[in-house]
């Protein structure tokens, strides 16, 4: 076995030092991982017929804050009913993504060392019930590492980049069903010096079933509203009814927000104006910020303890009001002879 040169020892020490220095600041909640996005983008679909376009509120369908079961009349000819449904779904399974970085004097050595760490890690994963077919290794990159060498000449110096080693990166995808296993997986990864968890994906096997249930709940509420209108003497025509619906989904990875611990200097320290003050670093941390139930008429599975996948459904229906025809007035004329004649109603 080759003895590592000074460059590899220094590089490894620097990499580990940087990791330890920033670990408290950038170790996020388990469902978020270490990736960061400025603004989460929600995948939404919108369906409506060509006659009527639903006026979608300014907020996203996953952040809806409209009133409960809205109903409004339009030109005394139509009534619009709106229903918002929120569904909190526990994941059927999860996928954790880890990143492995390894350096070596040659590409073969870097690949061998990375494979040894990954093999040891996957062997431990199998001991806790994760099958080999639920583990996928994704090759990311293989890059040379350069070092600057000084070339001395008679009257000058030149600085040249020369390859001194190689860096290889691979991602490990791990599929598992029990969310509580993630803590154990993190511990096993750390034992093989695998510290970077990229993210954790939450998977739902049958989202169509969830949307069907949300649609049924929304239609049931719309029907109940229509019955209440009938009690008020307002009937709706069965013709020309139009509707529009909108769906959305929010995953835990997109629902984490950051905050910094607040603090203030003591009064005694503030009095000593000339005394130097050493500021303590206030760490930035993250918390799971689920969609609020505010603005939703129906919430399915309202009790939320751990991060969940949140589905939203918005339904808007335009119903034509059935106009009641007023009876026409008729006038009769009785002639002096006793004959009854109908007067035309112009």
Protein backbone atom coordinates (compact mmCIF):
# COMPACT_ATOMS: atom_id res chain seq x y z
CA UNK A 1 0.00 0.00 0.00
CA UNK A 2 1.32 3.41 -0.96
CA UNK A 3 2.08 5.94 1.71
CA UNK A 4 -0.09 9.06 1.17
CA UNK A 5 1.94 12.09 0.16
CA UNK A 6 1.90 15.39 1.98
CA UNK A 7 -0.55 16.95 -0.46
CA UNK A 8 -3.28 14.38 0.19
CA UNK A 9 -2.84 14.64 3.97
CA UNK A 10 -3.07 18.43 3.84
CA UNK A 11 -6.07 18.34 1.49
CA UNK A 12 -7.95 15.83 3.67
CA UNK A 13 -7.17 17.83 6.81
CA UNK A 14 -8.40 21.03 5.17
CA UNK A 15 -11.61 19.36 3.94
CA UNK A 16 -12.35 17.92 7.40
CA UNK A 17 -11.56 21.22 9.11
CA UNK A 18 -13.93 23.16 6.89
CA UNK A 19 -16.65 20.57 7.45
CA UNK A 20 -16.31 20.71 11.24
CA UNK A 21 -16.23 24.50 11.21
CA UNK A 22 -19.51 24.85 9.32
CA UNK A 23 -21.34 21.77 10.54
CA UNK A 24 -23.46 23.57 13.21
CA UNK A 25 -24.57 26.21 10.72
CA UNK A 26 -25.51 24.05 7.75
CA UNK A 27 -26.87 20.84 9.26
CA UNK A 28 -30.58 21.16 8.51
CA UNK A 29 -33.65 19.27 9.61
CA UNK A 30 -33.75 15.70 8.38
CA UNK A 31 -36.58 16.15 5.89
CA UNK A 32 -34.95 19.18 4.32
CA UNK A 33 -31.40 18.01 3.71
CA UNK A 34 -28.58 20.44 3.04
CA UNK A 35 -29.83 21.92 -0.22
CA UNK A 36 -31.32 25.40 -0.26
CA UNK A 37 -33.76 27.04 -2.64
CA UNK A 38 -34.68 30.72 -2.66
CA UNK A 39 -38.38 30.28 -3.44
CA UNK A 40 -40.13 26.90 -3.58
CA UNK A 41 -41.95 26.25 -6.83
CA UNK A 42 -45.09 24.19 -6.55
CA UNK A 43 -46.24 21.97 -9.39
CA UNK A 44 -49.87 22.83 -10.17
CA UNK A 45 -52.37 21.90 -12.83
CA UNK A 46 -55.38 23.92 -13.89
CA UNK A 47 -58.40 22.60 -15.74
CA UNK A 48 -61.53 24.42 -16.86
CA UNK A 49 -63.94 24.39 -19.76
CA UNK A 50 -63.79 26.93 -22.56
CA UNK A 51 -66.89 28.79 -21.47
CA UNK A 52 -65.73 29.81 -18.02
CA UNK A 53 -62.27 30.66 -16.69
CA UNK A 54 -62.01 30.56 -12.91
CA UNK A 55 -60.52 33.67 -11.39
CA UNK A 56 -57.65 32.22 -9.39
CA UNK A 57 -56.74 34.21 -6.29
CA UNK A 58 -53.40 35.95 -6.17
CA UNK A 59 -51.93 33.45 -3.74
CA UNK A 60 -50.76 30.04 -4.86
CA UNK A 61 -53.20 27.18 -4.50
CA UNK A 62 -51.00 25.81 -1.72
CA UNK A 63 -51.18 29.11 0.19
CA UNK A 64 -54.85 29.88 -0.27
CA UNK A 65 -56.38 32.32 2.19
CA UNK A 66 -59.83 32.93 0.70
CA UNK A 67 -63.00 32.84 2.73
CA UNK A 68 -64.76 29.66 3.75
CA UNK A 69 -67.15 28.22 1.14
CA UNK A 70 -67.54 31.46 -0.75
CA UNK A 71 -70.75 32.20 -2.61
CA UNK A 72 -71.47 35.29 -4.65
CA UNK A 73 -74.06 36.38 -7.18
CA UNK A 74 -73.14 37.69 -10.62
CA UNK A 75 -75.62 40.06 -12.32
CA UNK A 76 -78.49 38.31 -10.51
CA UNK A 77 -78.22 35.55 -13.10
CA UNK A 78 -75.51 33.29 -11.66
CA UNK A 79 -74.17 32.20 -8.30
CA UNK A 80 -70.54 31.14 -7.83
CA UNK A 81 -69.62 28.63 -5.15
CA UNK A 82 -65.99 27.97 -4.13
CA UNK A 83 -64.52 25.19 -2.00
CA UNK A 84 -60.91 24.70 -0.86
CA UNK A 85 -59.71 21.30 0.37
CA UNK A 86 -56.43 20.44 2.13
CA UNK A 87 -55.17 16.86 2.48
CA UNK A 88 -52.25 15.98 4.78
CA UNK A 89 -50.72 12.70 3.58
CA UNK A 90 -48.06 10.68 5.37
CA UNK A 91 -45.43 9.34 2.92
CA UNK A 92 -45.59 5.77 1.69
CA UNK A 93 -41.79 5.74 1.41
CA UNK A 94 -38.82 8.10 1.46
CA UNK A 95 -35.60 8.48 -0.52
CA UNK A 96 -32.52 9.92 1.20
CA UNK A 97 -29.68 11.25 -0.96
CA UNK A 98 -26.11 11.28 0.37
CA UNK A 99 -23.01 12.69 -1.31
CA UNK A 100 -19.60 11.01 -1.11
CA UNK A 101 -16.40 12.91 -1.93
CA UNK A 102 -13.05 11.07 -2.16
CA UNK A 103 -9.57 12.16 -3.27
CA UNK A 104 -6.64 10.05 -4.38
CA UNK A 105 -3.29 10.26 -6.12
CA UNK A 106 -4.78 8.53 -9.17
CA UNK A 107 -8.29 8.16 -10.52
CA UNK A 108 -8.23 4.43 -9.79
CA UNK A 109 -7.20 5.02 -6.19
CA UNK A 110 -9.91 7.65 -5.63
CA UNK A 111 -12.55 5.33 -7.08
CA UNK A 112 -11.33 2.37 -4.99
CA UNK A 113 -11.38 4.34 -1.74
CA UNK A 114 -14.85 5.73 -2.49
CA UNK A 115 -16.18 2.26 -3.30
CA UNK A 116 -14.80 0.89 -0.03
CA UNK A 117 -16.64 3.52 2.00
CA UNK A 118 -19.84 3.01 0.03
CA UNK A 119 -19.62 -0.79 0.37
CA UNK A 120 -19.14 -0.57 4.14
CA UNK A 121 -22.08 1.84 4.34
CA UNK A 122 -24.44 -0.32 2.26
CA UNK A 123 -23.46 -3.42 4.24
CA UNK A 124 -24.56 -1.69 7.44
CA UNK A 125 -27.78 -0.55 5.75
CA UNK A 126 -28.69 -4.14 4.95
CA UNK A 127 -28.36 -5.01 8.63
CA UNK A 128 -31.22 -2.60 9.46
CA UNK A 129 -33.51 -4.07 6.80
CA UNK A 130 -32.75 -1.98 3.70
CA UNK A 131 -32.53 -4.30 0.69
CA UNK A 132 -29.79 -3.96 -1.95
CA UNK A 133 -32.39 -3.23 -4.66
CA UNK A 134 -33.44 -0.16 -2.66
CA UNK A 135 -29.94 1.33 -2.88
CA UNK A 136 -28.69 3.13 -6.00
CA UNK A 137 -25.20 4.58 -6.58
CA UNK A 138 -25.12 7.58 -8.91
CA UNK A 139 -21.76 8.57 -10.41
CA UNK A 140 -21.48 12.37 -10.37
CA UNK A 141 -17.98 13.53 -11.33
CA UNK A 142 -14.29 12.67 -11.60
CA UNK A 143 -12.04 15.72 -11.72
CA UNK A 144 -8.29 16.30 -11.47
CA UNK A 145 -6.90 18.33 -8.58
CA UNK A 146 -4.31 20.93 -9.49
CA UNK A 147 -1.50 22.43 -7.46
CA UNK A 148 0.51 25.53 -8.28
CA UNK A 149 4.23 24.98 -8.79
CA UNK A 150 6.80 27.73 -9.01
CA UNK A 151 9.17 27.56 -11.95
CA UNK A 152 12.27 29.69 -11.34
CA UNK A 153 14.04 31.24 -14.27
CA UNK A 154 17.12 33.41 -14.49
CA UNK A 155 15.35 36.74 -14.09
CA UNK A 156 11.73 35.74 -13.33
CA UNK A 157 9.36 33.20 -11.84
CA UNK A 158 6.32 31.50 -13.37
CA UNK A 159 3.46 29.77 -11.58
CA UNK A 160 2.04 26.68 -13.28
CA UNK A 161 -0.92 24.45 -12.42
CA UNK A 162 0.00 20.78 -12.43
CA UNK A 163 -2.25 17.79 -11.63
CA UNK A 164 -1.53 16.28 -8.23
CA UNK A 165 -4.49 14.00 -7.68
CA UNK A 166 -8.13 13.28 -8.47
CA UNK A 167 -11.45 13.92 -6.77
CA UNK A 168 -14.45 11.66 -7.33
CA UNK A 169 -18.05 12.29 -6.25
CA UNK A 170 -20.89 9.80 -6.03
CA UNK A 171 -24.43 10.05 -4.70
CA UNK A 172 -26.15 7.30 -2.75
CA UNK A 173 -29.94 6.97 -3.10
CA UNK A 174 -31.60 5.03 -0.27
CA UNK A 175 -35.27 4.00 -0.38
CA UNK A 176 -36.97 3.14 2.93
CA UNK A 177 -40.47 3.16 4.40
CA UNK A 178 -40.03 3.85 8.12
CA UNK A 179 -39.30 7.54 8.63
CA UNK A 180 -37.73 6.80 12.01
CA UNK A 181 -34.91 4.91 10.26
CA UNK A 182 -33.45 8.13 8.93
CA UNK A 183 -31.66 8.88 12.20
CA UNK A 184 -30.05 5.44 12.14
CA UNK A 185 -29.06 5.91 8.49
CA UNK A 186 -27.39 9.23 9.34
CA UNK A 187 -25.38 7.55 12.10
CA UNK A 188 -24.24 4.75 9.79
CA UNK A 189 -23.26 7.27 7.12
CA UNK A 190 -21.18 9.29 9.59
CA UNK A 191 -19.32 6.13 10.61
CA UNK A 192 -18.01 5.95 7.02
CA UNK A 193 -17.21 9.68 6.94
CA UNK A 194 -20.25 10.39 4.77
CA UNK A 195 -21.63 13.60 6.20
CA UNK A 196 -23.42 15.33 3.35
CA UNK A 197 -27.14 14.55 3.14
CA UNK A 198 -28.45 16.33 0.06
CA UNK A 199 -32.18 15.98 0.65
CA UNK A 200 -34.97 13.61 1.61
CA UNK A 201 -37.77 13.01 -0.87
CA UNK A 202 -41.27 12.05 0.29
CA UNK A 203 -43.17 9.73 -2.07
CA UNK A 204 -46.89 9.07 -2.38
CA UNK A 205 -47.84 5.90 -4.26
CA UNK A 206 -51.40 6.82 -5.27
CA UNK A 207 -51.92 10.57 -5.52
CA UNK A 208 -54.87 10.01 -7.88
CA UNK A 209 -56.81 8.35 -5.06
CA UNK A 210 -56.13 11.37 -2.85
CA UNK A 211 -57.34 13.84 -5.48
CA UNK A 212 -60.47 11.75 -6.08
CA UNK A 213 -61.31 11.86 -2.37
CA UNK A 214 -60.73 15.61 -2.26
CA UNK A 215 -62.97 16.10 -5.28
CA UNK A 216 -65.75 14.02 -3.73
CA UNK A 217 -65.53 16.00 -0.49
CA UNK A 218 -65.67 19.29 -2.41
CA UNK A 219 -68.66 18.20 -4.51
CA UNK A 220 -70.50 17.04 -1.39
CA UNK A 221 -70.02 20.46 0.19
CA UNK A 222 -71.16 22.20 -3.01
CA UNK A 223 -74.29 20.02 -3.06
CA UNK A 224 -75.02 20.86 0.58
CA UNK A 225 -74.69 24.55 -0.24
CA UNK A 226 -77.11 24.21 -3.13
CA UNK A 227 -79.66 22.59 -0.80
CA UNK A 228 -79.38 25.53 1.59
CA UNK A 229 -80.06 27.93 -1.27
CA UNK A 230 -83.19 25.95 -2.14
CA UNK A 231 -84.46 26.46 1.40
CA UNK A 232 -84.06 30.18 0.78
CA UNK A 233 -86.20 29.90 -2.32
CA UNK A 234 -83.34 30.05 -4.82
CA UNK A 235 -83.31 27.24 -7.35
CA UNK A 236 -80.66 26.58 -9.96
CA UNK A 237 -81.17 25.61 -13.56
CA UNK A 238 -79.69 22.22 -14.56
CA UNK A 239 -78.47 23.71 -17.82
CA UNK A 240 -75.22 25.59 -18.51
CA UNK A 241 -73.49 24.72 -15.25
CA UNK A 242 -69.75 25.29 -15.56
CA UNK A 243 -66.85 24.66 -13.21
CA UNK A 244 -63.10 25.10 -12.85
CA UNK A 245 -60.69 23.28 -10.58
CA UNK A 246 -57.08 23.72 -9.53
CA UNK A 247 -54.71 21.32 -7.77
CA UNK A 248 -51.39 21.73 -5.97
CA UNK A 249 -48.94 19.80 -3.81
CA UNK A 250 -46.30 20.89 -1.29
CA UNK A 251 -43.48 18.56 -0.24
CA UNK A 252 -41.64 18.88 3.10
CA UNK A 253 -38.39 19.78 1.34
CA UNK A 254 -40.04 23.01 0.10
CA UNK A 255 -41.72 23.95 3.38
CA UNK A 256 -38.69 24.63 5.57
CA UNK A 257 -37.98 28.23 6.53
CA UNK A 258 -34.93 29.73 8.14
CA UNK A 259 -34.61 31.99 11.14
CA UNK A 260 -31.77 33.38 13.22
CA UNK A 261 -31.78 33.30 16.98
CA UNK A 262 -32.40 36.81 18.30
CA UNK A 263 -30.41 38.29 21.16
CA UNK A 264 -29.27 41.56 22.69
CA UNK A 265 -26.22 42.75 24.58
CA UNK A 266 -26.45 43.10 28.34
CA UNK A 267 -27.07 46.49 29.92
CA UNK A 268 -23.83 46.36 31.93
CA UNK A 269 -21.78 45.81 28.80
CA UNK A 270 -23.54 48.70 27.08
CA UNK A 271 -22.53 51.06 29.89
CA UNK A 272 -18.85 50.35 29.32
CA UNK A 273 -18.54 52.19 26.05
CA UNK A 274 -14.82 51.72 25.74
CA UNK A 275 -14.84 48.05 26.66
CA UNK A 276 -14.38 45.70 23.69
CA UNK A 277 -17.33 43.35 23.11
CA UNK A 278 -16.89 39.95 21.54
CA UNK A 279 -20.01 39.04 19.66
CA UNK A 280 -21.27 35.44 19.81
CA UNK A 281 -22.23 33.95 16.50
CA UNK A 282 -25.99 33.56 16.25
CA UNK A 283 -26.64 30.40 14.23
CA UNK A 284 -29.18 30.16 11.45
CA UNK A 285 -31.54 27.23 11.85
CA UNK A 286 -34.59 25.87 10.06
CA UNK A 287 -38.08 24.70 10.98
CA UNK A 288 -40.89 22.90 9.16
CA UNK A 289 -43.60 25.39 8.22
CA UNK A 290 -46.61 23.42 7.02
CA UNK A 291 -49.48 24.99 5.09
CA UNK A 292 -51.93 26.63 7.46
CA UNK A 293 -55.50 25.39 7.62
CA UNK A 294 -56.70 28.97 7.38
CA UNK A 295 -58.84 29.48 4.28
CA UNK A 296 -59.67 25.81 3.73
CA UNK A 297 -63.22 24.55 4.02
CA UNK A 298 -62.23 20.89 4.40
CA UNK A 299 -59.05 19.54 6.02
CA UNK A 300 -58.43 15.81 5.74
CA UNK A 301 -56.06 14.35 8.36
CA UNK A 302 -55.74 17.63 10.30
CA UNK A 303 -53.46 16.25 13.02
CA UNK A 304 -49.87 16.84 11.89
CA UNK A 305 -46.85 15.91 14.01
CA UNK A 306 -44.13 15.05 11.49
CA UNK A 307 -43.60 16.59 8.02
CA UNK A 308 -46.23 15.48 5.52
CA UNK A 309 -47.04 15.87 1.84
CA UNK A 310 -49.85 18.42 1.55
CA UNK A 311 -52.27 18.26 -1.38
CA UNK A 312 -54.63 21.12 -2.19
CA UNK A 313 -57.77 21.20 -4.29
CA UNK A 314 -59.80 24.24 -5.32
CA UNK A 315 -63.22 23.96 -6.95
CA UNK A 316 -65.30 26.83 -8.32
CA UNK A 317 -68.79 26.27 -9.73
CA UNK A 318 -71.00 28.77 -11.57
CA UNK A 319 -74.71 27.96 -11.28
CA UNK A 320 -77.43 29.74 -13.31
CA UNK A 321 -80.34 30.94 -11.19
CA UNK A 322 -83.66 29.53 -12.31
CA UNK A 323 -85.93 32.45 -12.99
CA UNK A 324 -89.50 32.18 -11.78
CA UNK A 325 -92.00 33.31 -14.42
CA UNK A 326 -94.56 35.68 -13.01
CA UNK A 327 -98.17 34.90 -13.95
CA UNK A 328 -99.51 37.27 -16.56
CA UNK A 329 -102.49 39.48 -15.65
CA UNK A 330 -105.72 39.15 -17.57
CA UNK A 331 -108.49 41.72 -17.74
CA UNK A 332 -112.18 41.10 -18.50
CA UNK A 333 -114.88 43.48 -19.60
CA UNK A 334 -118.53 42.88 -18.86
CA UNK A 335 -120.77 44.48 -21.45
CA UNK A 336 -124.17 46.01 -20.56
CA UNK A 337 -125.73 42.90 -22.05
CA UNK A 338 -123.84 40.72 -19.56
CA UNK A 339 -121.33 39.35 -22.04
CA UNK A 340 -117.73 38.81 -20.71
CA UNK A 341 -114.94 39.79 -23.07
CA UNK A 342 -111.16 39.45 -22.59
CA UNK A 343 -109.13 42.62 -22.99
CA UNK A 344 -105.80 41.96 -24.78
CA UNK A 345 -102.74 42.56 -22.54
CA UNK A 346 -100.28 44.60 -24.55
